[in-house]
Amino acid sequence: MVLLVWCVFYRQFGLRFQ
């Protein structure tokens, strides 16, 4: 599912951004 990959990517990006 693309949603799962997007969720993981978004979370990783958010953590890196913070």
PDB file of N, CA and C in Angstrom:
ATOM      1  N   MET A   1       0.854  -1.215   0.000  1.00  0.00           N
ATOM      2  CA  MET A   1       0.000   0.000   0.000  1.00  0.00           C
ATOM      3  C   MET A   1       0.877   1.249   0.000  1.00  0.00           C
ATOM      4  N   VAL A   2       0.484   2.211  -0.777  1.00  0.00           N
ATOM      5  CA  VAL A   2       1.270   3.453  -0.860  1.00  0.00           C
ATOM      6  C   VAL A   2       1.104   4.280   0.412  1.00  0.00           C
ATOM      7  N   LEU A   3      -0.064   4.156   1.028  1.00  0.00           N
ATOM      8  CA  LEU A   3      -0.323   4.940   2.251  1.00  0.00           C
ATOM      9  C   LEU A   3       0.682   4.597   3.335  1.00  0.00           C
ATOM     10  N   LEU A   4       0.970   3.320   3.460  1.00  0.00           N
ATOM     11  CA  LEU A   4       1.911   2.888   4.509  1.00  0.00           C
ATOM     12  C   LEU A   4       3.293   3.493   4.269  1.00  0.00           C
ATOM     13  N   VAL A   5       3.749   3.391   3.032  1.00  0.00           N
ATOM     14  CA  VAL A   5       5.076   3.942   2.700  1.00  0.00           C
ATOM     15  C   VAL A   5       5.091   5.444   2.937  1.00  0.00           C
ATOM     16  N   TRP A   6       4.015   6.124   2.536  1.00  0.00           N
ATOM     17  CA  TRP A   6       3.932   7.576   2.713  1.00  0.00           C
ATOM     18  C   TRP A   6       3.959   7.933   4.194  1.00  0.00           C
ATOM     19  N   CYS A   7       3.256   7.152   4.976  1.00  0.00           N
ATOM     20  CA  CYS A   7       3.210   7.405   6.432  1.00  0.00           C
ATOM     21  C   CYS A   7       4.623   7.285   7.022  1.00  0.00           C
ATOM     22  N   VAL A   8       5.318   6.228   6.668  1.00  0.00           N
ATOM     23  CA  VAL A   8       6.674   6.020   7.199  1.00  0.00           C
ATOM     24  C   VAL A   8       7.596   7.136   6.731  1.00  0.00           C
ATOM     25  N   PHE A   9       7.507   7.475   5.463  1.00  0.00           N
ATOM     26  CA  PHE A   9       8.364   8.527   4.907  1.00  0.00           C
ATOM     27  C   PHE A   9       8.084   9.860   5.585  1.00  0.00           C
ATOM     28  N   TYR A  10       6.798  10.161   5.740  1.00  0.00           N
ATOM     29  CA  TYR A  10       6.406  11.419   6.385  1.00  0.00           C
ATOM     30  C   TYR A  10       6.914  11.471   7.826  1.00  0.00           C
ATOM     31  N   ARG A  11       6.778  10.373   8.508  1.00  0.00           N
ATOM     32  CA  ARG A  11       7.218  10.316   9.923  1.00  0.00           C
ATOM     33  C   ARG A  11       8.735  10.513   9.987  1.00  0.00           C
ATOM     34  N   GLN A  12       9.458   9.849   9.120  1.00  0.00           N
ATOM     35  CA  GLN A  12      10.930   9.971   9.133  1.00  0.00           C
ATOM     36  C   GLN A  12      11.322  11.414   8.815  1.00  0.00           C
ATOM     37  N   PHE A  13      10.628  12.015   7.852  1.00  0.00           N
ATOM     38  CA  PHE A  13      10.936  13.385   7.463  1.00  0.00           C
ATOM     39  C   PHE A  13      10.635  14.346   8.605  1.00  0.00           C
ATOM     40  N   GLY A  14       9.497  14.124   9.249  1.00  0.00           N
ATOM     41  CA  GLY A  14       9.092  14.993  10.362  1.00  0.00           C
ATOM     42  C   GLY A  14      10.092  14.901  11.504  1.00  0.00           C
ATOM     43  N   LEU A  15      10.532  13.689  11.799  1.00  0.00           N
ATOM     44  CA  LEU A  15      11.491  13.512  12.896  1.00  0.00           C
ATOM     45  C   LEU A  15      12.804  14.205  12.562  1.00  0.00           C
ATOM     46  N   ARG A  16      13.185  14.124  11.288  1.00  0.00           N
ATOM     47  CA  ARG A  16      14.463  14.719  10.880  1.00  0.00           C
ATOM     48  C   ARG A  16      14.333  16.239  10.866  1.00  0.00           C
ATOM     49  N   PHE A  17      13.148  16.698  10.524  1.00  0.00           N
ATOM     50  CA  PHE A  17      12.937  18.153  10.446  1.00  0.00           C
ATOM     51  C   PHE A  17      12.930  18.772  11.836  1.00  0.00           C
ATOM     52  N   GLN A  18      12.330  18.054  12.800  1.00  0.00           N
ATOM     53  CA  GLN A  18      12.229  18.599  14.160  1.00  0.00           C
ATOM     54  C   GLN A  18      13.602  18.657  14.781  1.00  0.00           C
TER      55      GLN A  18
END
